[in-house]
């Protein structure tokens, strides 16, 4: 793979990393004890309600949290794959399938630069 293409894909990966981190910061915070891990923030609505209204607000908090958990997990996984791809670029191993060690097609890398596997092994 030529250096120009790798440079283009690296730029795409770096931009996507910034975008994903920005999205994560809206719904989660970095776990300082576990590098690369993010924790979904439990939404807190302002109090002031009582009785049934308070129960409804609490239910809304739980519903929103349960909706955000899989989103955070998906973003976190993509971020990890992007970080791994950027590390492979540094090491000179970018573009090789992790299973069969054959090259990942340029078309696949252009569509998904963080791909870890060729189409056959995916």
N, C-alpha and C. Protein backbone atom coordinates (compact mmCIF):
# COMPACT_ATOMS: atom_id res chain seq x y z
N UNK A 1 0.86 -1.18 0.00
CA UNK A 1 0.00 0.00 0.00
C UNK A 1 0.90 1.23 0.00
N UNK A 2 0.55 2.20 -0.82
CA UNK A 2 1.42 3.38 -0.93
C UNK A 2 1.23 4.35 0.23
N UNK A 3 2.26 5.14 0.46
CA UNK A 3 2.27 6.06 1.61
C UNK A 3 1.20 7.14 1.49
N UNK A 4 0.89 7.56 0.27
CA UNK A 4 -0.13 8.59 0.08
C UNK A 4 -1.48 8.10 0.56
N UNK A 5 -1.84 6.87 0.19
CA UNK A 5 -3.12 6.29 0.61
C UNK A 5 -3.15 6.12 2.13
N UNK A 6 -2.07 5.63 2.69
CA UNK A 6 -2.00 5.46 4.14
C UNK A 6 -2.18 6.81 4.84
N UNK A 7 -1.56 7.85 4.29
CA UNK A 7 -1.71 9.19 4.86
C UNK A 7 -3.15 9.68 4.80
N UNK A 8 -3.83 9.41 3.68
CA UNK A 8 -5.24 9.80 3.55
C UNK A 8 -6.10 9.06 4.57
N UNK A 9 -5.88 7.75 4.67
CA UNK A 9 -6.67 6.95 5.61
C UNK A 9 -6.37 7.35 7.06
N UNK A 10 -5.12 7.69 7.34
CA UNK A 10 -4.76 8.15 8.68
C UNK A 10 -5.51 9.44 9.01
N UNK A 11 -5.59 10.35 8.06
CA UNK A 11 -6.34 11.59 8.26
C UNK A 11 -7.80 11.33 8.54
N UNK A 12 -8.39 10.40 7.81
CA UNK A 12 -9.80 10.04 8.02
C UNK A 12 -9.97 9.45 9.42
N UNK A 13 -9.06 8.56 9.81
CA UNK A 13 -9.14 7.94 11.14
C UNK A 13 -9.02 8.99 12.25
N UNK A 14 -8.11 9.92 12.10
CA UNK A 14 -7.92 10.95 13.13
C UNK A 14 -9.15 11.85 13.25
N UNK A 15 -9.75 12.22 12.13
CA UNK A 15 -10.97 13.03 12.18
C UNK A 15 -12.12 12.27 12.83
N UNK A 16 -12.24 11.00 12.47
CA UNK A 16 -13.31 10.18 13.04
C UNK A 16 -13.11 9.99 14.54
N UNK A 17 -11.86 9.88 14.97
CA UNK A 17 -11.56 9.75 16.40
C UNK A 17 -12.04 10.98 17.17
N UNK A 18 -11.76 12.16 16.63
CA UNK A 18 -12.20 13.40 17.27
C UNK A 18 -13.73 13.45 17.34
N UNK A 19 -14.38 13.07 16.27
CA UNK A 19 -15.85 13.08 16.23
C UNK A 19 -16.44 12.12 17.26
N UNK A 20 -15.90 10.92 17.33
CA UNK A 20 -16.43 9.93 18.27
C UNK A 20 -16.17 10.36 19.71
N UNK A 21 -14.99 10.90 19.99
CA UNK A 21 -14.72 11.37 21.35
C UNK A 21 -15.67 12.50 21.73
N UNK A 22 -15.99 13.36 20.80
CA UNK A 22 -16.93 14.45 21.06
C UNK A 22 -18.32 13.88 21.38
N UNK A 23 -18.74 12.87 20.62
CA UNK A 23 -20.04 12.24 20.87
C UNK A 23 -20.05 11.54 22.22
N UNK A 24 -18.97 10.87 22.55
CA UNK A 24 -18.88 10.18 23.84
C UNK A 24 -18.94 11.15 25.01
N UNK A 25 -18.26 12.29 24.89
CA UNK A 25 -18.27 13.26 25.99
C UNK A 25 -19.66 13.79 26.29
N UNK A 26 -20.57 13.71 25.34
CA UNK A 26 -21.95 14.17 25.56
C UNK A 26 -22.74 13.20 26.44
N UNK A 27 -22.37 11.93 26.42
CA UNK A 27 -23.16 10.93 27.13
C UNK A 27 -22.37 10.12 28.16
N UNK A 28 -21.04 10.30 28.16
CA UNK A 28 -20.22 9.47 29.05
C UNK A 28 -19.00 10.26 29.52
N UNK A 29 -18.29 9.64 30.44
CA UNK A 29 -17.03 10.23 30.90
C UNK A 29 -15.97 9.15 30.87
N UNK A 30 -14.71 9.57 30.67
CA UNK A 30 -13.60 8.62 30.64
C UNK A 30 -13.43 7.99 32.01
N UNK A 31 -13.18 6.72 32.01
CA UNK A 31 -12.86 6.00 33.24
C UNK A 31 -11.37 6.15 33.47
N UNK A 32 -10.99 6.89 34.50
CA UNK A 32 -9.57 7.17 34.77
C UNK A 32 -8.81 5.92 35.21
N UNK A 33 -9.52 4.93 35.72
CA UNK A 33 -8.87 3.72 36.21
C UNK A 33 -8.62 2.70 35.11
N UNK A 34 -9.37 2.80 34.02
CA UNK A 34 -9.27 1.82 32.94
C UNK A 34 -9.09 2.55 31.62
N UNK A 35 -7.86 2.63 31.12
CA UNK A 35 -7.60 3.37 29.88
C UNK A 35 -8.45 2.86 28.71
N UNK A 36 -9.00 3.80 27.95
CA UNK A 36 -9.81 3.45 26.79
C UNK A 36 -11.25 3.14 27.12
N UNK A 37 -11.59 3.15 28.41
CA UNK A 37 -12.96 2.83 28.81
C UNK A 37 -13.73 4.11 29.10
N UNK A 38 -15.00 4.10 28.73
CA UNK A 38 -15.90 5.22 28.99
C UNK A 38 -17.08 4.68 29.79
N UNK A 39 -17.62 5.51 30.66
CA UNK A 39 -18.78 5.14 31.47
C UNK A 39 -19.94 6.06 31.15
N UNK A 40 -21.05 5.47 30.77
CA UNK A 40 -22.25 6.24 30.48
C UNK A 40 -22.68 6.98 31.74
N UNK A 41 -23.00 8.25 31.58
CA UNK A 41 -23.43 9.07 32.71
C UNK A 41 -24.93 8.89 32.90
N UNK A 42 -25.31 8.60 34.13
CA UNK A 42 -26.73 8.44 34.44
C UNK A 42 -27.37 9.83 34.42
N UNK A 43 -28.42 10.01 33.60
CA UNK A 43 -29.05 11.34 33.52
C UNK A 43 -29.73 11.72 34.83
N UNK A 44 -29.58 12.95 35.21
CA UNK A 44 -30.20 13.47 36.43
C UNK A 44 -31.10 14.64 36.05
N UNK A 45 -32.36 14.45 36.23
CA UNK A 45 -33.29 15.54 36.00
C UNK A 45 -33.45 16.33 37.29
N UNK A 46 -33.74 17.60 37.17
CA UNK A 46 -33.97 18.42 38.35
C UNK A 46 -35.17 17.88 39.12
N UNK A 47 -35.04 17.89 40.41
CA UNK A 47 -36.13 17.42 41.26
C UNK A 47 -37.28 18.41 41.28
N UNK A 48 -38.02 18.40 42.31
CA UNK A 48 -39.12 19.34 42.44
C UNK A 48 -40.47 18.66 42.31
N UNK A 49 -40.47 17.48 41.72
CA UNK A 49 -41.73 16.76 41.58
C UNK A 49 -41.94 15.87 42.81
N UNK A 50 -43.16 15.48 42.99
CA UNK A 50 -43.46 14.55 44.07
C UNK A 50 -44.52 13.58 43.58
N UNK A 51 -44.65 12.50 44.30
CA UNK A 51 -45.67 11.53 43.97
C UNK A 51 -45.43 10.87 42.62
N UNK A 52 -46.52 10.79 41.85
CA UNK A 52 -46.47 10.14 40.54
C UNK A 52 -45.52 10.82 39.58
N UNK A 53 -45.44 12.14 39.65
CA UNK A 53 -44.55 12.87 38.74
C UNK A 53 -43.08 12.51 39.01
N UNK A 54 -42.73 12.35 40.27
CA UNK A 54 -41.36 11.97 40.62
C UNK A 54 -41.04 10.56 40.11
N UNK A 55 -42.02 9.66 40.23
CA UNK A 55 -41.82 8.31 39.72
C UNK A 55 -41.66 8.30 38.20
N UNK A 56 -42.44 9.14 37.55
CA UNK A 56 -42.35 9.22 36.09
C UNK A 56 -40.99 9.77 35.67
N UNK A 57 -40.48 10.77 36.37
CA UNK A 57 -39.15 11.32 36.08
C UNK A 57 -38.08 10.25 36.29
N UNK A 58 -38.20 9.49 37.37
CA UNK A 58 -37.24 8.44 37.65
C UNK A 58 -37.27 7.38 36.55
N UNK A 59 -38.45 7.04 36.10
CA UNK A 59 -38.58 6.07 35.01
C UNK A 59 -37.95 6.60 33.72
N UNK A 60 -38.14 7.90 33.47
CA UNK A 60 -37.52 8.53 32.29
C UNK A 60 -36.00 8.46 32.37
N UNK A 61 -35.44 8.68 33.58
CA UNK A 61 -33.99 8.60 33.76
C UNK A 61 -33.47 7.21 33.43
N UNK A 62 -34.15 6.21 33.95
CA UNK A 62 -33.73 4.82 33.71
C UNK A 62 -33.85 4.48 32.23
N UNK A 63 -34.93 4.91 31.60
CA UNK A 63 -35.13 4.64 30.18
C UNK A 63 -34.04 5.30 29.33
N UNK A 64 -33.73 6.56 29.63
CA UNK A 64 -32.69 7.26 28.88
C UNK A 64 -31.34 6.58 29.08
N UNK A 65 -31.03 6.20 30.31
CA UNK A 65 -29.76 5.54 30.61
C UNK A 65 -29.66 4.22 29.83
N UNK A 66 -30.73 3.44 29.84
CA UNK A 66 -30.69 2.15 29.14
C UNK A 66 -30.61 2.34 27.63
N UNK A 67 -31.05 3.47 27.12
CA UNK A 67 -30.91 3.78 25.70
C UNK A 67 -29.48 4.21 25.38
N UNK A 68 -28.84 4.93 26.30
CA UNK A 68 -27.48 5.43 26.07
C UNK A 68 -26.40 4.36 26.21
N UNK A 69 -26.65 3.34 27.02
CA UNK A 69 -25.63 2.30 27.25
C UNK A 69 -25.14 1.63 25.96
N UNK A 70 -26.03 1.13 25.10
CA UNK A 70 -25.53 0.49 23.88
C UNK A 70 -24.88 1.49 22.91
N UNK A 71 -25.33 2.73 22.94
CA UNK A 71 -24.72 3.76 22.09
C UNK A 71 -23.29 4.00 22.55
N UNK A 72 -23.11 4.15 23.85
CA UNK A 72 -21.76 4.34 24.41
C UNK A 72 -20.87 3.16 24.08
N UNK A 73 -21.40 1.96 24.21
CA UNK A 73 -20.61 0.75 23.94
C UNK A 73 -20.17 0.71 22.47
N UNK A 74 -21.08 1.02 21.57
CA UNK A 74 -20.78 1.02 20.14
C UNK A 74 -19.72 2.06 19.79
N UNK A 75 -19.87 3.27 20.32
CA UNK A 75 -18.89 4.33 20.07
C UNK A 75 -17.53 3.96 20.65
N UNK A 76 -17.54 3.40 21.84
CA UNK A 76 -16.30 3.00 22.50
C UNK A 76 -15.57 1.93 21.69
N UNK A 77 -16.31 0.98 21.16
CA UNK A 77 -15.73 -0.08 20.35
C UNK A 77 -15.12 0.48 19.06
N UNK A 78 -15.83 1.38 18.41
CA UNK A 78 -15.29 2.02 17.21
C UNK A 78 -14.02 2.81 17.52
N UNK A 79 -14.04 3.52 18.64
CA UNK A 79 -12.87 4.29 19.05
C UNK A 79 -11.67 3.37 19.29
N UNK A 80 -11.89 2.25 19.92
CA UNK A 80 -10.80 1.29 20.16
C UNK A 80 -10.24 0.77 18.84
N UNK A 81 -11.12 0.48 17.88
CA UNK A 81 -10.66 0.00 16.58
C UNK A 81 -9.89 1.08 15.82
N UNK A 82 -10.32 2.32 15.95
CA UNK A 82 -9.60 3.43 15.32
C UNK A 82 -8.23 3.59 15.95
N UNK A 83 -8.17 3.55 17.28
CA UNK A 83 -6.87 3.65 17.97
C UNK A 83 -5.95 2.52 17.55
N UNK A 84 -6.50 1.32 17.41
CA UNK A 84 -5.70 0.17 16.99
C UNK A 84 -5.18 0.38 15.57
N UNK A 85 -6.02 0.89 14.67
CA UNK A 85 -5.59 1.15 13.29
C UNK A 85 -4.49 2.21 13.26
N UNK A 86 -4.64 3.26 14.05
CA UNK A 86 -3.61 4.30 14.09
C UNK A 86 -2.29 3.74 14.63
N UNK A 87 -2.37 2.86 15.60
CA UNK A 87 -1.16 2.22 16.14
C UNK A 87 -0.51 1.33 15.08
N UNK A 88 -1.32 0.63 14.31
CA UNK A 88 -0.79 -0.22 13.24
C UNK A 88 -0.10 0.62 12.17
N UNK A 89 -0.64 1.80 11.90
CA UNK A 89 0.01 2.69 10.93
C UNK A 89 1.41 3.05 11.43
N UNK A 90 1.51 3.37 12.73
CA UNK A 90 2.82 3.70 13.32
C UNK A 90 3.80 2.54 13.21
N UNK A 91 3.30 1.32 13.42
CA UNK A 91 4.16 0.13 13.42
C UNK A 91 4.44 -0.40 12.01
N UNK A 92 3.67 0.10 11.03
CA UNK A 92 3.86 -0.39 9.67
C UNK A 92 3.13 -1.68 9.36
N UNK A 93 2.14 -2.02 10.17
CA UNK A 93 1.39 -3.27 9.95
C UNK A 93 -0.05 -3.00 9.52
N UNK A 94 -0.35 -1.77 9.19
CA UNK A 94 -1.71 -1.39 8.81
C UNK A 94 -2.09 -2.04 7.47
N UNK A 95 -3.34 -2.48 7.40
CA UNK A 95 -3.86 -3.04 6.15
C UNK A 95 -3.72 -4.54 6.03
N UNK A 96 -3.24 -5.20 7.08
CA UNK A 96 -3.11 -6.66 7.08
C UNK A 96 -4.20 -7.26 7.95
N UNK A 97 -4.80 -8.31 7.46
CA UNK A 97 -5.85 -9.02 8.21
C UNK A 97 -5.25 -9.65 9.46
N UNK A 98 -5.93 -9.50 10.59
CA UNK A 98 -5.44 -10.06 11.85
C UNK A 98 -5.55 -11.58 11.90
N UNK A 99 -6.40 -12.17 11.05
CA UNK A 99 -6.55 -13.63 11.08
C UNK A 99 -5.60 -14.32 10.10
N UNK A 100 -5.67 -13.91 8.82
CA UNK A 100 -4.91 -14.62 7.79
C UNK A 100 -3.62 -13.90 7.38
N UNK A 101 -3.43 -12.69 7.87
CA UNK A 101 -2.24 -11.88 7.58
C UNK A 101 -2.13 -11.43 6.12
N UNK A 102 -3.18 -11.66 5.32
CA UNK A 102 -3.19 -11.17 3.95
C UNK A 102 -3.63 -9.71 3.96
N UNK A 103 -3.38 -9.03 2.87
CA UNK A 103 -3.77 -7.63 2.78
C UNK A 103 -5.28 -7.44 2.72
N UNK A 104 -5.75 -6.42 3.40
CA UNK A 104 -7.16 -6.03 3.33
C UNK A 104 -7.31 -5.16 2.08
N UNK A 105 -8.36 -5.37 1.32
CA UNK A 105 -8.52 -4.64 0.06
C UNK A 105 -8.60 -3.13 0.30
N UNK A 106 -8.08 -2.39 -0.65
CA UNK A 106 -8.09 -0.94 -0.57
C UNK A 106 -9.53 -0.43 -0.50
N UNK A 107 -10.43 -1.06 -1.26
CA UNK A 107 -11.84 -0.66 -1.25
C UNK A 107 -12.44 -0.79 0.15
N UNK A 108 -12.10 -1.89 0.81
CA UNK A 108 -12.61 -2.10 2.17
C UNK A 108 -12.05 -1.06 3.14
N UNK A 109 -10.77 -0.79 3.02
CA UNK A 109 -10.15 0.19 3.92
C UNK A 109 -10.68 1.60 3.66
N UNK A 110 -10.98 1.91 2.40
CA UNK A 110 -11.56 3.22 2.10
C UNK A 110 -12.96 3.35 2.69
N UNK A 111 -13.72 2.25 2.67
CA UNK A 111 -15.07 2.26 3.22
C UNK A 111 -15.05 2.24 4.75
N UNK A 112 -14.10 1.51 5.31
CA UNK A 112 -14.01 1.37 6.76
C UNK A 112 -12.53 1.28 7.14
N UNK A 113 -11.88 2.45 7.30
CA UNK A 113 -10.43 2.44 7.53
C UNK A 113 -9.99 1.74 8.81
N UNK A 114 -10.91 1.51 9.73
CA UNK A 114 -10.53 0.83 10.97
C UNK A 114 -10.69 -0.69 10.88
N UNK A 115 -10.97 -1.20 9.67
CA UNK A 115 -11.16 -2.65 9.47
C UNK A 115 -9.95 -3.43 9.96
N UNK A 116 -10.25 -4.51 10.67
CA UNK A 116 -9.18 -5.35 11.21
C UNK A 116 -9.02 -6.65 10.44
N UNK A 117 -10.05 -6.99 9.66
CA UNK A 117 -10.06 -8.27 8.95
C UNK A 117 -10.40 -8.07 7.47
N UNK A 118 -9.90 -8.97 6.64
CA UNK A 118 -10.28 -8.95 5.23
C UNK A 118 -11.73 -9.46 5.13
N UNK A 119 -12.29 -9.33 3.96
CA UNK A 119 -13.69 -9.74 3.78
C UNK A 119 -13.88 -11.23 4.03
N UNK A 120 -12.93 -12.05 3.62
CA UNK A 120 -13.05 -13.50 3.80
C UNK A 120 -13.07 -13.90 5.28
N UNK A 121 -12.27 -13.22 6.07
CA UNK A 121 -12.16 -13.58 7.50
C UNK A 121 -13.22 -12.89 8.36
N UNK A 122 -13.81 -11.83 7.86
CA UNK A 122 -14.81 -11.09 8.63
C UNK A 122 -15.97 -12.01 8.89
